Amino acid sequence: MANIKSAKKRILVNRTKAERNKAIRSGVKTAFKKVHAAIETNDKDAAAAALRAATSTMNKAVTKGVYHKNTASRKVSRLAQAVNKMA
């Protein structure tokens, strides 16, 4: 454990931010899994709805600084491509 007050604070703040980032990443993964599940069941309407929700979740994660915008764009693009292939 650190002895300096500012170092102690950094440890606490970093732990808090790591927990927040972990929760956001988990939410994004869950949203993506819902899209993949809808794709596997061949339910086009559910897949489209899940894709909209997943895109929104990912965009929120980008604004929070959890994901880089290009990473988010790539992942959403691949999901949309998978949904579009269902037709």
C-alpha atoms as a PDB file:
ATOM      1  CA  MET A   1       0.000   0.000   0.000  1.00  0.00           C
ATOM      2  CA  ALA A   2       1.190   3.484  -0.815  1.00  0.00           C
ATOM      3  CA  ASN A   3       2.207   5.950   1.897  1.00  0.00           C
ATOM      4  CA  ILE A   4       1.560   9.201   0.055  1.00  0.00           C
ATOM      5  CA  LYS A   5      -1.978  10.576   0.264  1.00  0.00           C
ATOM      6  CA  SER A   6      -2.297  11.272  -3.461  1.00  0.00           C
ATOM      7  CA  ALA A   7      -1.051   7.764  -4.295  1.00  0.00           C
ATOM      8  CA  LYS A   8      -3.648   6.263  -1.950  1.00  0.00           C
ATOM      9  CA  LYS A   9      -6.342   8.306  -3.674  1.00  0.00           C
ATOM     10  CA  ARG A  10      -5.149   7.186  -7.126  1.00  0.00           C
ATOM     11  CA  ILE A  11      -5.431   3.552  -6.026  1.00  0.00           C
ATOM     12  CA  LEU A  12      -9.024   4.089  -4.890  1.00  0.00           C
ATOM     13  CA  VAL A  13     -10.006   6.081  -7.972  1.00  0.00           C
ATOM     14  CA  ASN A  14      -8.424   3.540 -10.323  1.00  0.00           C
ATOM     15  CA  ARG A  15     -10.253   0.700  -8.600  1.00  0.00           C
ATOM     16  CA  THR A  16     -13.576   2.553  -8.932  1.00  0.00           C
ATOM     17  CA  LYS A  17     -12.995   3.328 -12.607  1.00  0.00           C
ATOM     18  CA  ALA A  18     -11.914  -0.258 -13.334  1.00  0.00           C
ATOM     19  CA  GLU A  19     -15.140  -1.583 -11.792  1.00  0.00           C
ATOM     20  CA  ARG A  20     -17.191   0.873 -13.858  1.00  0.00           C
ATOM     21  CA  ASN A  21     -15.383  -0.054 -17.065  1.00  0.00           C
ATOM     22  CA  LYS A  22     -15.831  -3.747 -16.307  1.00  0.00           C
ATOM     23  CA  ALA A  23     -19.584  -3.279 -15.840  1.00  0.00           C
ATOM     24  CA  ILE A  24     -19.871  -1.358 -19.111  1.00  0.00           C
ATOM     25  CA  ARG A  25     -17.850  -3.977 -21.030  1.00  0.00           C
ATOM     26  CA  SER A  26     -20.016  -6.711 -19.548  1.00  0.00           C
ATOM     27  CA  GLY A  27     -23.163  -4.920 -20.701  1.00  0.00           C
ATOM     28  CA  VAL A  28     -21.779  -4.614 -24.223  1.00  0.00           C
ATOM     29  CA  LYS A  29     -20.880  -8.320 -24.323  1.00  0.00           C
ATOM     30  CA  THR A  30     -24.372  -9.244 -23.117  1.00  0.00           C
ATOM     31  CA  ALA A  31     -25.988  -7.076 -25.795  1.00  0.00           C
ATOM     32  CA  PHE A  32     -23.819  -8.687 -28.486  1.00  0.00           C
ATOM     33  CA  LYS A  33     -24.672 -12.173 -27.221  1.00  0.00           C
ATOM     34  CA  LYS A  34     -28.381 -11.346 -27.521  1.00  0.00           C
ATOM     35  CA  VAL A  35     -27.865 -10.424 -31.173  1.00  0.00           C
ATOM     36  CA  HIS A  36     -25.967 -13.645 -31.863  1.00  0.00           C
ATOM     37  CA  ALA A  37     -28.674 -15.673 -30.101  1.00  0.00           C
ATOM     38  CA  ALA A  38     -31.363 -14.042 -32.267  1.00  0.00           C
ATOM     39  CA  ILE A  39     -29.300 -14.767 -35.392  1.00  0.00           C
ATOM     40  CA  GLU A  40     -28.967 -18.436 -34.446  1.00  0.00           C
ATOM     41  CA  THR A  41     -32.732 -18.769 -33.985  1.00  0.00           C
ATOM     42  CA  ASN A  42     -33.302 -17.098 -37.403  1.00  0.00           C
ATOM     43  CA  ASP A  43     -35.593 -14.461 -35.876  1.00  0.00           C
ATOM     44  CA  LYS A  44     -34.956 -11.452 -38.109  1.00  0.00           C
ATOM     45  CA  ASP A  45     -37.144  -8.990 -36.172  1.00  0.00           C
ATOM     46  CA  ALA A  46     -35.583  -9.913 -32.836  1.00  0.00           C
ATOM     47  CA  ALA A  47     -32.097  -9.727 -34.359  1.00  0.00           C
ATOM     48  CA  ALA A  48     -32.790  -6.253 -35.754  1.00  0.00           C
ATOM     49  CA  ALA A  49     -34.146  -5.030 -32.417  1.00  0.00           C
ATOM     50  CA  ALA A  50     -31.211  -6.567 -30.547  1.00  0.00           C
ATOM     51  CA  LEU A  51     -28.817  -4.969 -33.032  1.00  0.00           C
ATOM     52  CA  ARG A  52     -30.296  -1.509 -32.364  1.00  0.00           C
ATOM     53  CA  ALA A  53     -29.943  -2.055 -28.617  1.00  0.00           C
ATOM     54  CA  ALA A  54     -26.386  -3.376 -28.977  1.00  0.00           C
ATOM     55  CA  THR A  55     -25.395  -0.427 -31.164  1.00  0.00           C
ATOM     56  CA  SER A  56     -26.779   2.000 -28.601  1.00  0.00           C
ATOM     57  CA  THR A  57     -24.978   0.217 -25.769  1.00  0.00           C
ATOM     58  CA  MET A  58     -21.701   0.237 -27.680  1.00  0.00           C
ATOM     59  CA  ASN A  59     -22.021   3.935 -28.546  1.00  0.00           C
ATOM     60  CA  LYS A  60     -22.583   4.752 -24.876  1.00  0.00           C
ATOM     61  CA  ALA A  61     -19.452   2.774 -23.996  1.00  0.00           C
ATOM     62  CA  VAL A  62     -17.502   4.846 -26.542  1.00  0.00           C
ATOM     63  CA  THR A  63     -18.716   8.115 -25.034  1.00  0.00           C
ATOM     64  CA  LYS A  64     -17.614   6.873 -21.602  1.00  0.00           C
ATOM     65  CA  GLY A  65     -14.159   6.142 -22.989  1.00  0.00           C
ATOM     66  CA  VAL A  66     -14.307   2.392 -22.455  1.00  0.00           C
ATOM     67  CA  TYR A  67     -13.883   1.509 -26.154  1.00  0.00           C
ATOM     68  CA  HIS A  68     -12.117   3.363 -28.947  1.00  0.00           C
ATOM     69  CA  LYS A  69     -14.516   4.615 -31.616  1.00  0.00           C
ATOM     70  CA  ASN A  70     -12.876   2.573 -34.378  1.00  0.00           C
ATOM     71  CA  THR A  71     -13.138  -0.610 -32.315  1.00  0.00           C
ATOM     72  CA  ALA A  72     -16.807   0.071 -31.689  1.00  0.00           C
ATOM     73  CA  SER A  73     -17.402   0.824 -35.352  1.00  0.00           C
ATOM     74  CA  ARG A  74     -15.722  -2.423 -36.402  1.00  0.00           C
ATOM     75  CA  LYS A  75     -17.662  -4.553 -33.931  1.00  0.00           C
ATOM     76  CA  VAL A  76     -21.034  -2.971 -34.768  1.00  0.00           C
ATOM     77  CA  SER A  77     -20.312  -3.285 -38.480  1.00  0.00           C
ATOM     78  CA  ARG A  78     -19.605  -7.007 -38.147  1.00  0.00           C
ATOM     79  CA  LEU A  79     -22.794  -7.495 -36.137  1.00  0.00           C
ATOM     80  CA  ALA A  80     -24.863  -5.592 -38.705  1.00  0.00           C
ATOM     81  CA  GLN A  81     -23.296  -7.632 -41.485  1.00  0.00           C
ATOM     82  CA  ALA A  82     -24.270 -10.862 -39.698  1.00  0.00           C
ATOM     83  CA  VAL A  83     -27.857  -9.636 -39.247  1.00  0.00           C
ATOM     84  CA  ASN A  84     -28.087  -8.581 -42.894  1.00  0.00           C
ATOM     85  CA  LYS A  85     -26.878 -12.000 -44.074  1.00  0.00           C
ATOM     86  CA  MET A  86     -29.972 -13.563 -42.492  1.00  0.00           C
ATOM     87  CA  ALA A  87     -32.225 -12.276 -45.292  1.00  0.00           C
END
